[in-house]
Protein backbone atom coordinates (compact mmCIF):
# COMPACT_ATOMS: atom_id res chain seq x y z
CA MET A 1 80.19 -100.28 113.33
CA ALA A 2 82.40 -100.34 110.25
CA ILE A 3 83.44 -102.93 107.68
CA TRP A 4 87.21 -103.25 107.31
CA PRO A 5 87.61 -103.33 103.50
CA LEU A 6 90.86 -105.29 103.68
CA THR A 7 89.41 -108.26 105.56
CA GLY A 8 85.65 -107.84 105.20
CA GLN A 9 85.30 -107.99 108.98
CA THR A 10 82.84 -105.83 110.88
CA LEU A 11 84.62 -103.93 113.65
CA THR A 12 83.57 -101.45 116.32
CA CYS A 13 85.39 -99.11 118.66
CA PHE A 14 84.93 -99.36 122.40
CA PRO A 15 83.75 -97.03 123.75
CA SER A 16 81.87 -96.25 120.56
CA VAL A 17 82.73 -93.03 118.73
CA PRO A 18 81.34 -91.57 115.49
CA GLU A 19 83.05 -92.97 112.40
CA HIS A 20 84.08 -89.47 111.28
CA VAL A 21 86.11 -89.18 114.52
CA SER A 22 87.76 -92.59 114.60
CA LEU A 23 87.59 -95.99 112.94
CA PRO A 24 88.65 -99.25 114.62
CA PHE A 25 91.32 -99.74 111.92
CA ASP A 26 93.60 -97.54 109.86
CA SER A 27 96.10 -97.76 107.02
CA ALA A 28 98.88 -98.78 109.44
CA ASP A 29 96.84 -101.89 110.28
CA ASP A 30 96.34 -102.45 106.55
CA TYR A 31 100.08 -102.16 105.96
CA LEU A 32 100.91 -104.77 108.60
CA VAL A 33 98.33 -107.25 107.34
CA THR A 34 99.20 -106.93 103.65
CA HIS A 35 102.93 -107.17 104.39
CA ILE A 36 102.48 -110.35 106.44
CA GLU A 37 100.27 -111.84 103.73
CA ALA A 38 102.97 -111.06 101.17
CA LEU A 39 105.59 -112.72 103.36
CA ALA A 40 103.41 -115.81 103.75
CA SER A 41 102.97 -116.15 99.98
CA SER A 42 106.69 -115.90 99.27
CA PRO A 43 108.18 -119.22 98.04
CA ASN A 44 111.13 -118.75 100.41
CA THR A 45 108.93 -118.50 103.49
CA SER A 46 108.07 -121.46 105.69
CA GLN A 47 104.39 -122.38 105.48
CA VAL A 48 104.28 -122.87 109.25
CA ILE A 49 102.36 -119.97 110.78
CA PRO A 50 104.67 -118.17 113.22
CA GLN A 51 103.64 -117.70 116.82
CA ARG A 52 102.76 -114.02 117.03
CA LEU A 53 102.59 -111.47 119.79
CA ILE A 54 100.56 -108.30 119.16
CA LEU A 55 101.15 -105.15 121.22
CA ASN A 56 99.14 -101.89 121.46
CA ASP A 57 96.28 -103.01 119.19
CA ARG A 58 93.81 -100.24 120.14
CA HIS A 59 90.53 -101.78 118.94
CA GLY A 60 91.51 -105.38 118.24
CA ALA A 61 91.74 -105.09 114.45
CA LEU A 62 95.03 -107.00 114.36
CA ALA A 63 93.66 -109.58 116.79
CA CYS A 64 90.82 -110.23 114.32
CA ALA A 65 93.21 -110.41 111.37
CA PHE A 66 95.42 -112.89 113.26
CA PRO A 67 93.06 -114.53 115.79
CA GLY A 68 95.54 -117.14 116.99
CA SER A 69 98.00 -114.56 118.29
CA SER A 70 98.97 -113.71 121.83
CA TRP A 71 97.91 -110.17 122.60
CA TRP A 72 98.56 -107.35 125.07
CA SER A 73 97.30 -103.80 125.40
CA ASP A 74 97.56 -101.52 128.39
CA SER A 75 93.96 -100.37 127.91
CA TYR A 76 90.97 -102.09 129.50
CA CYS A 77 88.82 -100.64 126.71
CA ALA A 78 91.13 -102.09 124.06
CA ASN A 79 90.66 -105.54 125.56
CA VAL A 80 86.87 -105.14 125.54
CA ALA A 81 87.02 -103.99 121.90
CA ARG A 82 89.13 -107.01 121.04
CA GLN A 83 86.70 -109.40 122.70
CA ASN A 84 83.68 -107.75 121.08
CA ASN A 85 85.21 -107.79 117.62
CA LEU A 86 86.42 -111.38 117.84
CA GLU A 87 82.93 -112.48 118.91
CA SER A 88 81.13 -110.44 116.25
CA ASN A 89 83.34 -111.97 113.56
CA GLN A 90 83.02 -115.46 115.05
CA SER A 91 86.77 -115.73 115.52
CA ALA A 92 87.56 -118.24 118.24
CA ALA A 93 90.87 -116.92 119.55
CA SER A 94 93.10 -119.79 120.63
CA ARG A 95 94.98 -117.55 123.04
CA THR A 96 93.63 -115.12 125.57
CA ALA A 97 94.87 -111.61 126.18
CA LEU A 98 97.87 -111.49 128.48
CA SER A 99 98.25 -109.30 131.51
CA TRP A 100 101.46 -107.29 131.83
CA ASN A 101 102.66 -109.57 134.62
CA GLN A 102 102.09 -112.64 132.45
CA LEU A 103 103.92 -111.01 129.56
CA SER A 104 106.86 -109.67 131.56
CA GLU A 105 107.27 -112.79 133.73
CA PRO A 106 107.13 -115.81 131.40
CA SER A 107 107.16 -118.20 134.38
CA ASN A 108 103.64 -116.96 135.14
CA HIS A 109 102.22 -118.57 131.99
CA SER A 110 102.76 -121.72 130.01
CA HIS A 111 104.66 -120.31 127.03
CA SER A 112 108.40 -120.64 126.71
CA GLN A 113 110.60 -117.58 126.28
CA SER A 114 111.42 -118.50 122.67
CA GLN A 115 107.86 -119.10 121.55
CA TYR A 116 107.31 -115.86 119.63
CA GLN A 117 108.78 -115.77 116.14
CA GLN A 118 106.99 -112.57 115.14
CA VAL A 119 105.96 -109.50 117.12
CA LEU A 120 103.59 -106.84 115.75
CA ILE A 121 103.72 -103.44 117.43
CA ARG A 122 101.52 -100.42 116.88
CA ILE A 123 104.01 -97.72 117.82
CA PRO A 124 102.94 -96.02 121.07
CA LYS A 125 102.93 -92.29 121.59
CA GLN A 126 105.94 -92.20 123.92
CA ARG A 127 109.40 -93.44 122.98
CA GLU A 128 110.03 -94.50 126.58
CA GLN A 129 107.06 -96.85 126.39
CA LEU A 130 108.32 -98.33 123.12
CA GLN A 131 111.76 -98.78 124.64
CA ALA A 132 110.31 -100.73 127.57
CA GLN A 133 108.40 -102.98 125.16
CA LEU A 134 111.45 -103.61 122.96
CA GLN A 135 113.56 -104.40 126.03
CA LEU A 136 110.90 -106.90 127.07
CA ILE A 137 110.89 -108.53 123.62
CA ALA A 138 114.69 -108.73 123.69
CA HIS A 139 114.30 -110.76 126.88
CA ILE A 140 111.35 -113.03 126.07
CA ALA A 141 111.78 -113.43 122.27
CA PRO A 142 115.35 -112.50 121.30
CA GLU A 143 115.11 -114.16 117.85
CA ALA A 144 111.78 -112.63 116.87
CA GLN A 145 111.09 -110.60 113.76
CA VAL A 146 109.58 -107.32 114.96
CA LEU A 147 107.25 -105.32 112.71
CA LEU A 148 106.36 -101.81 113.86
CA ALA A 149 103.65 -99.71 112.24
CA GLY A 150 102.02 -96.34 112.71
CA MET A 151 100.95 -93.21 110.91
CA ALA A 152 103.96 -91.47 109.39
CA LYS A 153 103.11 -88.06 110.86
CA HIS A 154 103.48 -89.50 114.35
CA ILE A 155 106.85 -91.18 113.71
CA PRO A 156 109.68 -88.63 113.71
CA VAL A 157 112.97 -89.24 111.93
CA ALA A 158 114.74 -89.24 115.30
CA LEU A 159 112.71 -92.31 116.32
CA LEU A 160 113.63 -94.11 113.09
CA ASN A 161 117.31 -93.33 113.65
CA TRP A 162 117.04 -94.57 117.23
CA LEU A 163 115.49 -97.86 116.10
CA GLU A 164 118.18 -98.35 113.46
CA THR A 165 121.01 -97.57 115.88
CA HIS A 166 119.96 -100.19 118.42
CA SER A 167 118.89 -103.00 116.06
CA GLU A 168 121.16 -105.53 114.37
CA HIS A 169 118.81 -105.61 111.39
CA TYR A 170 116.73 -102.60 110.32
CA GLN A 171 114.53 -102.14 107.26
CA GLN A 172 112.31 -99.18 106.59
CA TYR A 173 109.58 -99.71 104.00
CA PRO A 174 108.08 -96.97 101.79
CA ILE A 175 105.25 -94.91 103.21
CA ARG A 176 101.87 -96.18 102.00
CA ARG A 177 98.62 -94.27 102.45
CA LYS A 178 100.36 -92.11 105.08
CA ALA A 179 101.40 -95.18 107.10
CA ARG A 180 104.89 -96.34 107.89
CA LEU A 181 106.23 -99.88 108.43
CA ILE A 182 109.59 -100.80 109.98
CA GLU A 183 111.13 -104.25 110.44
CA ILE A 184 113.81 -104.88 113.04
CA SER A 185 115.46 -107.88 114.66
CA GLY A 186 118.42 -108.48 116.94
CA LEU A 187 117.36 -106.25 119.83
CA GLY A 188 120.44 -106.61 122.01
CA GLY A 189 121.11 -102.90 121.64
CA PHE A 190 117.88 -102.11 123.45
CA SER A 191 118.81 -104.45 126.30
CA ALA A 192 121.91 -102.36 126.87
CA LEU A 193 119.89 -99.15 127.30
CA LYS A 194 119.22 -97.94 130.81
CA ALA A 195 115.77 -99.04 131.91
CA THR A 196 113.33 -96.17 132.15
CA THR A 197 111.68 -96.36 135.56
CA PRO A 198 110.81 -92.76 136.31
CA GLY A 199 110.42 -91.60 139.88
CA TYR A 200 109.96 -88.32 141.70
CA GLN A 201 108.72 -86.85 144.98
CA VAL A 202 105.60 -84.79 145.66
CA ASN A 203 105.30 -83.34 149.14
CA GLU A 204 106.20 -86.29 151.40
CA PHE A 205 105.31 -88.94 148.81
CA LYS A 206 107.68 -90.88 146.56
CA LEU A 207 106.18 -92.09 143.30
CA HIS A 208 107.24 -94.48 140.55
CA ALA A 209 105.53 -95.71 137.40
CA ALA A 210 106.26 -97.55 134.18
CA PRO A 211 106.76 -95.49 131.00
CA GLY A 212 103.48 -94.50 129.40
CA VAL A 213 101.61 -94.03 132.68
CA PHE A 214 100.12 -90.58 133.22
CA CYS A 215 102.37 -88.58 135.60
CA ALA A 216 105.06 -91.27 135.26
CA ASP A 217 108.16 -89.08 135.19
CA ARG A 218 106.99 -85.76 136.61
CA LEU A 219 103.97 -84.27 138.33
CA ASP A 220 101.36 -83.14 135.86
CA PRO A 221 100.72 -79.37 136.17
CA GLY A 222 96.99 -80.02 136.43
CA ALA A 223 97.50 -82.43 139.32
CA ARG A 224 99.77 -79.89 141.03
CA ALA A 225 97.04 -77.25 140.75
CA PHE A 226 94.40 -79.73 141.96
CA ILE A 227 96.11 -81.05 145.10
CA PRO A 228 95.46 -77.99 147.35
CA PHE A 229 91.69 -78.31 146.76
CA LEU A 230 91.27 -82.03 147.43
CA PRO A 231 88.91 -82.94 150.29
CA LYS A 232 90.29 -83.30 153.81
CA HIS A 233 88.99 -84.87 157.01
CA ILE A 234 85.88 -86.41 155.50
CA THR A 235 84.44 -89.91 155.81
CA GLY A 236 82.63 -92.18 153.40
CA THR A 237 83.87 -93.63 150.12
CA LEU A 238 86.17 -91.50 147.98
CA CYS A 239 87.14 -92.35 144.40
CA ASP A 240 90.12 -91.21 142.36
CA LEU A 241 88.69 -91.61 138.86
CA GLY A 242 91.41 -91.98 136.22
CA CYS A 243 94.04 -92.35 138.92
CA GLY A 244 97.21 -92.56 136.82
CA ASN A 245 100.14 -93.35 139.11
CA GLY A 246 97.98 -92.60 142.17
CA VAL A 247 99.32 -89.18 143.08
CA LEU A 248 95.83 -87.89 144.01
CA SER A 249 94.98 -91.17 145.77
CA LEU A 250 97.99 -90.73 148.04
CA HIS A 251 96.81 -87.29 149.11
CA LEU A 252 93.24 -88.52 149.61
CA ALA A 253 94.39 -91.45 151.75
CA LYS A 254 96.73 -89.28 153.84
CA ASN A 255 94.25 -86.48 154.48
CA ASN A 256 91.14 -88.64 154.97
CA PRO A 257 92.26 -91.53 157.22
CA ASP A 258 88.69 -92.49 158.12
CA ALA A 259 87.52 -92.72 154.50
CA ARG A 260 87.58 -95.64 152.11
CA ILE A 261 89.73 -94.86 149.07
CA ILE A 262 89.06 -96.46 145.67
CA ALA A 263 91.25 -95.69 142.65
CA THR A 264 90.49 -96.83 139.12
CA ASP A 265 91.98 -96.40 135.66
CA ASP A 266 91.70 -97.77 132.10
CA SER A 267 95.48 -98.32 132.06
CA GLU A 268 96.72 -101.61 133.51
CA LEU A 269 100.19 -100.16 134.07
CA ALA A 270 98.65 -97.20 135.89
CA THR A 271 96.80 -99.48 138.30
CA ILE A 272 100.01 -101.42 138.96
CA ALA A 273 101.81 -98.14 139.71
CA ALA A 274 99.03 -96.73 141.91
CA ARG A 275 98.83 -99.94 143.92
CA SER A 276 102.61 -99.99 144.37
CA ASN A 277 102.80 -96.30 145.32
CA LEU A 278 100.09 -96.63 147.97
CA ALA A 279 101.90 -99.60 149.48
CA ALA A 280 105.32 -97.94 149.32
CA ASN A 281 103.97 -94.91 151.16
CA GLN A 282 102.18 -97.13 153.70
CA LEU A 283 98.71 -95.89 152.80
CA ALA A 284 95.50 -97.88 152.34
CA GLY A 285 93.48 -97.88 149.13
CA GLU A 286 91.82 -100.22 146.64
CA VAL A 287 92.99 -99.98 143.04
CA ARG A 288 90.87 -101.39 140.21
CA HIS A 289 91.28 -101.79 136.45
CA GLY A 290 88.25 -100.78 134.41
CA ASN A 291 86.56 -98.43 131.98
CA VAL A 292 85.58 -95.26 133.85
CA LEU A 293 83.57 -96.65 136.83
CA SER A 294 82.87 -100.12 135.44
CA ALA A 295 84.96 -101.67 138.23
CA VAL A 296 83.23 -99.69 141.00
CA SER A 297 79.78 -100.80 142.22
CA GLU A 298 79.77 -98.99 145.56
CA PRO A 299 77.85 -95.73 146.07
CA LEU A 300 80.41 -92.92 146.20
CA ASP A 301 80.43 -89.89 148.47
CA TRP A 302 83.21 -88.00 146.71
CA ILE A 303 84.90 -88.35 143.32
CA VAL A 304 88.01 -86.50 142.19
CA CYS A 305 88.82 -86.48 138.51
CA ASN A 306 91.61 -85.09 136.34
CA PRO A 307 90.12 -86.37 133.06
CA PRO A 308 92.20 -87.14 129.97
CA PHE A 309 91.43 -85.26 126.79
CA HIS A 310 93.59 -87.33 124.47
CA ASP A 311 93.09 -90.85 123.13
CA GLY A 312 96.47 -91.62 121.66
CA HIS A 313 97.17 -88.72 119.31
CA LYS A 314 93.53 -87.61 119.07
CA GLN A 315 92.16 -84.80 121.25
CA LEU A 316 88.66 -85.75 122.41
CA THR A 317 86.20 -84.69 125.11
CA ASN A 318 83.96 -87.77 125.01
CA ILE A 319 86.03 -89.61 127.64
CA ALA A 320 85.56 -86.77 130.12
CA THR A 321 81.85 -86.50 129.33
CA THR A 322 81.41 -90.21 130.05
CA MET A 323 83.28 -89.77 133.33
CA PHE A 324 80.90 -86.97 134.34
CA GLN A 325 77.81 -88.99 133.44
CA GLN A 326 78.91 -92.10 135.30
CA SER A 327 80.02 -90.04 138.28
CA HIS A 328 76.56 -88.50 138.55
CA LYS A 329 75.00 -91.98 138.62
CA ALA A 330 77.49 -93.36 141.15
CA LEU A 331 77.36 -90.51 143.66
CA THR A 332 75.10 -90.54 146.69
CA ALA A 333 72.40 -87.87 146.99
CA GLN A 334 74.81 -85.58 148.83
CA GLY A 335 77.78 -86.62 146.72
CA VAL A 336 80.42 -84.30 145.25
CA LEU A 337 82.42 -84.49 142.04
CA GLN A 338 85.60 -82.43 141.84
CA VAL A 339 87.09 -81.87 138.39
CA ILE A 340 90.17 -80.03 137.22
CA ALA A 341 90.36 -79.02 133.58
CA ASN A 342 92.42 -76.95 131.20
CA ARG A 343 90.71 -73.60 130.73
CA HIS A 344 90.12 -74.16 127.00
CA LEU A 345 88.10 -77.37 127.48
CA PRO A 346 84.28 -76.95 127.30
CA TYR A 347 83.37 -78.89 130.46
CA GLN A 348 81.22 -76.42 132.35
CA GLY A 349 78.20 -76.85 130.07
CA PRO A 350 78.00 -80.67 130.32
CA LEU A 351 78.57 -80.49 134.08
CA LYS A 352 75.73 -77.99 134.56
CA LYS A 353 73.36 -80.28 132.67
CA LEU A 354 74.09 -83.08 135.11
CA PHE A 355 74.59 -81.43 138.51
CA ARG A 356 72.39 -79.18 140.59
CA SER A 357 75.33 -77.00 141.58
CA VAL A 358 78.56 -76.40 139.67
CA LYS A 359 80.93 -74.08 141.50
CA VAL A 360 84.29 -72.78 140.33
CA VAL A 361 86.53 -73.10 143.39
CA SER A 362 89.74 -72.06 141.64
CA ALA A 363 90.72 -70.60 138.29
CA ASP A 364 93.93 -69.29 136.79
CA LYS A 365 95.29 -68.79 133.28
CA LYS A 366 95.71 -72.53 132.72
CA PHE A 367 93.31 -74.50 134.93
CA VAL A 368 89.88 -74.38 136.52
CA VAL A 369 88.65 -76.52 139.40
CA PHE A 370 84.94 -77.36 139.51
CA GLU A 371 83.04 -78.63 142.53
CA CYS A 372 79.80 -80.28 141.43
CA ARG A 373 77.04 -81.23 143.87
CA LYS A 374 74.31 -83.67 143.03
C-alpha cells in the first residue's frame, strides 16, 4: 500500500508486490495528470470536463485520478486493482470497465462513437498492440485528443517518428522525471495501415491472435520445446494455465479426446484468441478469464504451464511462484503439474518445496521441462 504524493490517494498493486519492486503509479502517470490539470486551468480551455477513455492503466492509478472515465485494460489483475483502488479511495466511478468487445463494437454499449473527446494511453510494450489501439480510436473517436505516456527508456525514437508520421497533429513534450508525454490527434494515417492480425500454423493447427497476445505472431520457442512432452491419452480434467492464444490447449484437446480441457489467462485478448482457435480447429475446451486459477473451481488432474516471467518491462518470478502454489492446491491427490522454464530461472527450488516429486523430463541449453507430482 502506497500513498500517491500527487493526489494523496492510497493505492495498491494487484497482485501485491513489494514497494521496492513496483509501485501502483509512476512518473508517467504523474505527467499525464499534471498536464491535464494544466490544460483544465488554461483560460482558453472549456470548463466542461471531456469524456475520457483510459487504456492500459496497469493498477488503476489513472482511473482513480479521473474516476468518471471509461476504462479498458487487457489484464484481469489490472481490473481488480482498479476496483480495489477506487473503493479504497471512496471514488464512485460513474462508468464501469469496458470489455474489448464493448470497446471495439460500439453498438454493444450505450455510448455513441463520438463520445470520447480525450483518450489517455499508457504506451504498451509492443508497437503492434499500440497500432491496434490507435486504429480503434480512429474508428470510435476520430476527433479525440490522444495523450500517450510512458517511461522514456521504453519509448524508442523510431516509435516517436512512427507516431508523428501517421498523425495529423503531433506534439512531443520534454522528458520529465524520466517520463515522456506525446499528444496526437487526427489518426487517419493509422486507419490506412494494414491491420495486424498475426496467424501461423503449428502441426495441423492454424492459430490467430490479436497483437499483444503471447504467441500471437509466431510459436514461442518454449512452447515448441514443451509440445512433445504434453500428456496424451489421459482422462480427467486438464488445465492450460496461462494459455495465451491456446496453442497448448489445442494439443491437449486433440491428444486427450476423453478429457475435459480448461484454459485460463489473465489477458482478455488471449482468452478471446484461445476460444476462437479451439472453435476454428473444431476442438472442445472451456476458456476462462481470471488471475491464475481464480476462474477455475474444479479439482484438476493435470496442469500444464508455460509461466510468464515478465510483467510489462519488469522481469519477475512472483507470477510463476503464485501459479505453482495455486496449482498445488487445485490438483487432486494424484495430480500432475508440468512446467517449462528457461534454464536461468530459479523454479526448481520453489517446486520442490511444494511437490513430493519434481522430475526433469527434458533439458537442453535453453529450456527445462519439470513434471511435478503431488
